[in-house]
Amino acid sequence: MHVGNDHTMGTGPRHFTPRSMVADNDLAVGRLVDLVSHSRFWSSTAISSWKTTRKMVLTTSMPTVPFCLSFHPSRGFTRSNMLVLHGFGPQDDRTNPRPSQPHLLDDRAPSLLVDFEEQPSLEPYTPVKPAVPLDERNPHNAPGAKQSARWDFTRPDSAPEEELNRVIWKSVKGRNSEPPASVFNVQARMDGRPGS
């Protein structure tokens, strides 16, 4: 299931602001979890959610913010150590068995299974109302408004990623703020060939 408002539409005039679109996206996910956790399917369901981009798919160590929601994970617990997308592999294999798709990082990635409780809690979740107005729109003079108006938002990840990230940063942090520099990691395979 793809819930794509968190990719935003930049700061194009008349569009909702980036923070409004992210809040709307979060509310949609919250309502989905609310619905499932109050249903008879909750005792056999796990919902994995994470932010992905084209670059994340192509770059094995791209950071993300993952969520795992079910009756097994610890409640009210936030893990703050390093995880990569492949950390979902061991967890998904346990909760959703499927044909093996081995990858170098699958066995080395920190597993989310350590956060699973032996005694499950079937207490359902209730969504929290966003603190950000969901109808907040970009002003005509928003930072990056002209660039955003030229970009293609009709398909996921069609807008230029680095430029869009910069526009979103300035929209949220202020016109005169500067986003941190991008960091790229290169990994090698065990046989010495470049990682894929």
Protein backbone atom coordinates (compact mmCIF):
# COMPACT_ATOMS: atom_id res chain seq x y z
CA MET A 1 0.00 0.00 0.00
CA HIS A 2 1.43 3.37 -1.02
CA VAL A 3 0.56 6.47 1.02
CA GLY A 4 2.48 9.17 -0.80
CA ASN A 5 1.57 12.55 0.65
CA ASP A 6 4.75 12.58 2.73
CA HIS A 7 6.68 13.08 -0.53
CA THR A 8 4.86 16.46 -0.69
CA MET A 9 4.42 18.71 -3.71
CA GLY A 10 7.14 21.12 -2.72
CA THR A 11 6.09 24.71 -2.19
CA GLY A 12 4.10 25.22 -5.37
CA PRO A 13 1.45 27.94 -5.06
CA ARG A 14 -2.03 26.71 -4.11
CA HIS A 15 -0.71 23.32 -2.99
CA PHE A 16 -0.75 22.21 0.62
CA THR A 17 2.44 22.95 2.57
CA PRO A 18 4.96 20.14 3.06
CA ARG A 19 4.26 19.92 6.79
CA SER A 20 0.52 19.78 6.14
CA MET A 21 0.94 16.95 3.64
CA VAL A 22 3.20 14.98 5.98
CA ALA A 23 0.65 15.41 8.79
CA ASP A 24 -2.12 14.22 6.47
CA ASN A 25 -0.02 11.21 5.52
CA ASP A 26 0.60 10.37 9.18
CA LEU A 27 -3.10 10.64 9.94
CA ALA A 28 -3.90 8.26 7.06
CA VAL A 29 -1.48 5.67 8.44
CA GLY A 30 -2.91 6.20 11.93
CA ARG A 31 -6.45 5.61 10.69
CA LEU A 32 -5.37 2.43 8.92
CA VAL A 33 -3.76 1.09 12.12
CA ASP A 34 -6.82 2.18 14.11
CA LEU A 35 -9.14 0.27 11.77
CA VAL A 36 -7.04 -2.90 11.69
CA SER A 37 -6.26 -2.94 15.42
CA HIS A 38 -9.99 -2.73 16.25
CA SER A 39 -10.80 -5.61 13.88
CA ARG A 40 -10.82 -9.39 14.33
CA PHE A 41 -7.67 -9.54 12.17
CA TRP A 42 -5.47 -7.75 14.71
CA SER A 43 -4.29 -10.94 16.46
CA SER A 44 -2.68 -12.14 13.21
CA THR A 45 -1.53 -8.84 11.67
CA ALA A 46 1.73 -6.88 11.56
CA ILE A 47 2.01 -3.56 9.74
CA SER A 48 5.46 -2.43 8.57
CA SER A 49 5.81 1.14 7.41
CA TRP A 50 8.81 3.09 6.19
CA LYS A 51 9.70 5.97 3.94
CA THR A 52 11.22 4.94 0.61
CA THR A 53 12.58 6.77 -2.41
CA ARG A 54 14.19 5.74 -5.68
CA LYS A 55 17.59 6.37 -4.11
CA MET A 56 16.73 4.19 -1.12
CA VAL A 57 15.83 1.31 -3.39
CA LEU A 58 19.14 1.64 -5.22
CA THR A 59 21.36 2.41 -2.21
CA THR A 60 21.59 -0.41 0.31
CA SER A 61 22.47 1.78 3.31
CA MET A 62 20.01 4.62 2.79
CA PRO A 63 18.63 5.70 6.19
CA THR A 64 14.91 5.56 6.91
CA VAL A 65 12.41 5.91 9.75
CA PRO A 66 10.68 2.52 10.10
CA PHE A 67 7.62 1.59 12.12
CA CYS A 68 6.40 -1.89 13.03
CA LEU A 69 2.88 -2.07 14.44
CA SER A 70 1.28 -5.25 15.71
CA PHE A 71 0.28 -6.94 18.95
CA HIS A 72 3.88 -8.15 19.56
CA PRO A 73 6.21 -5.08 19.56
CA SER A 74 6.91 -3.23 22.79
CA ARG A 75 4.50 -0.36 23.41
CA GLY A 76 5.77 3.19 23.84
CA PHE A 77 9.33 2.18 22.95
CA THR A 78 11.59 4.04 20.53
CA ARG A 79 14.81 2.43 19.38
CA SER A 80 17.49 5.00 18.62
CA ASN A 81 20.29 2.89 17.17
CA MET A 82 21.23 2.54 13.51
CA LEU A 83 18.92 0.52 11.28
CA VAL A 84 18.77 0.05 7.52
CA LEU A 85 15.94 -1.06 5.27
CA HIS A 86 17.26 -4.64 5.33
CA GLY A 87 16.52 -4.76 9.06
CA PHE A 88 12.94 -5.45 8.06
CA GLY A 89 14.00 -8.66 6.32
CA PRO A 90 14.28 -10.93 9.38
CA GLN A 91 11.14 -9.43 10.90
CA ASP A 92 9.16 -9.85 7.69
CA ASP A 93 10.36 -13.44 7.29
CA ARG A 94 8.91 -14.28 10.69
CA THR A 95 5.62 -12.43 10.34
CA ASN A 96 5.10 -12.98 6.61
CA PRO A 97 6.96 -16.09 5.33
CA ARG A 98 7.84 -15.87 1.65
CA PRO A 99 10.37 -17.35 -0.79
CA SER A 100 13.91 -16.49 0.27
CA GLN A 101 15.51 -13.44 -1.34
CA PRO A 102 19.04 -13.53 0.11
CA HIS A 103 21.04 -10.33 0.23
CA LEU A 104 24.43 -9.61 1.77
CA LEU A 105 22.93 -7.24 4.35
CA ASP A 106 19.94 -9.40 5.37
CA ASP A 107 21.97 -11.42 7.90
CA ARG A 108 24.05 -8.47 9.08
CA ALA A 109 21.27 -5.91 9.51
CA PRO A 110 20.06 -5.35 13.09
CA SER A 111 16.78 -7.21 13.46
CA LEU A 112 13.58 -5.66 14.74
CA LEU A 113 12.70 -8.96 16.40
CA VAL A 114 14.48 -7.92 19.61
CA ASP A 115 11.67 -5.41 20.13
CA PHE A 116 8.98 -8.12 20.03
CA GLU A 117 7.40 -9.14 23.34
CA GLU A 118 6.79 -12.81 24.13
CA GLN A 119 3.44 -11.93 25.68
CA PRO A 120 1.40 -10.04 23.07
CA SER A 121 -0.95 -7.17 23.88
CA LEU A 122 -4.16 -6.98 21.86
CA GLU A 123 -4.89 -3.44 23.04
CA PRO A 124 -5.87 -1.47 19.89
CA TYR A 125 -4.33 1.79 18.74
CA THR A 126 -6.16 5.12 18.51
CA PRO A 127 -4.88 7.80 16.09
CA VAL A 128 -3.71 11.15 17.42
CA LYS A 129 -5.08 14.28 15.80
CA PRO A 130 -2.29 16.19 13.99
CA ALA A 131 -1.16 19.46 15.57
CA VAL A 132 -0.50 20.90 12.09
CA PRO A 133 -3.49 22.28 10.11
CA LEU A 134 -4.31 19.88 7.28
CA ASP A 135 -5.57 22.71 5.04
CA GLU A 136 -2.44 24.90 5.27
CA ARG A 137 -1.39 26.07 1.79
CA ASN A 138 1.85 27.47 0.39
CA PRO A 139 1.98 31.24 -0.06
CA HIS A 140 2.82 32.49 -3.55
CA ASN A 141 6.24 33.69 -2.35
CA ALA A 142 7.21 30.48 -0.50
CA PRO A 143 10.89 29.50 -0.84
CA GLY A 144 11.28 27.36 -3.97
CA ALA A 145 7.76 28.15 -5.25
CA LYS A 146 8.91 28.78 -8.83
CA GLN A 147 11.01 25.60 -8.97
CA SER A 148 8.21 23.53 -7.43
CA ALA A 149 5.75 24.80 -10.04
CA ARG A 150 8.00 23.36 -12.80
CA TRP A 151 8.50 19.90 -11.26
CA ASP A 152 6.50 16.80 -12.11
CA PHE A 153 4.47 15.54 -9.14
CA THR A 154 2.12 13.37 -11.18
CA ARG A 155 4.19 10.24 -10.42
CA PRO A 156 6.06 9.21 -7.24
CA ASP A 157 9.67 10.42 -7.04
CA SER A 158 9.59 12.28 -10.37
CA ALA A 159 10.71 15.60 -8.88
CA PRO A 160 14.49 16.13 -8.45
CA GLU A 161 15.21 14.70 -5.01
CA GLU A 162 18.05 16.91 -3.78
CA GLU A 163 16.37 20.12 -4.93
CA LEU A 164 13.02 19.09 -3.45
CA ASN A 165 14.63 18.23 -0.12
CA ARG A 166 16.19 21.69 -0.03
CA VAL A 167 12.87 23.39 -0.77
CA ILE A 168 11.07 21.38 1.91
CA TRP A 169 13.80 22.20 4.45
CA LYS A 170 13.50 25.92 3.83
CA SER A 171 9.70 25.71 3.94
CA VAL A 172 9.82 24.15 7.40
CA LYS A 173 12.98 25.67 8.90
CA GLY A 174 12.89 29.13 7.31
CA ARG A 175 13.90 30.79 4.06
CA ASN A 176 17.41 31.67 5.28
CA SER A 177 18.19 28.28 6.81
CA GLU A 178 20.60 25.84 5.16
CA PRO A 179 19.99 22.08 5.07
CA PRO A 180 22.79 19.72 6.13
CA ALA A 181 24.98 18.33 3.37
CA SER A 182 24.01 14.98 1.86
CA VAL A 183 26.03 11.96 2.98
CA PHE A 184 26.60 9.00 0.66
CA ASN A 185 28.00 5.64 1.73
CA VAL A 186 29.75 3.09 -0.49
CA GLN A 187 29.74 -0.58 0.49
CA ALA A 188 31.75 -3.47 -0.96
CA ARG A 189 30.76 -7.09 -1.30
CA MET A 190 32.60 -9.86 0.54
CA ASP A 191 34.23 -11.01 -2.73
CA GLY A 192 35.68 -7.55 -3.28
CA ARG A 193 33.35 -6.55 -6.10
CA PRO A 194 31.33 -3.31 -5.75
CA GLY A 195 28.08 -3.67 -3.81
CA SER A 196 24.81 -3.65 -5.68
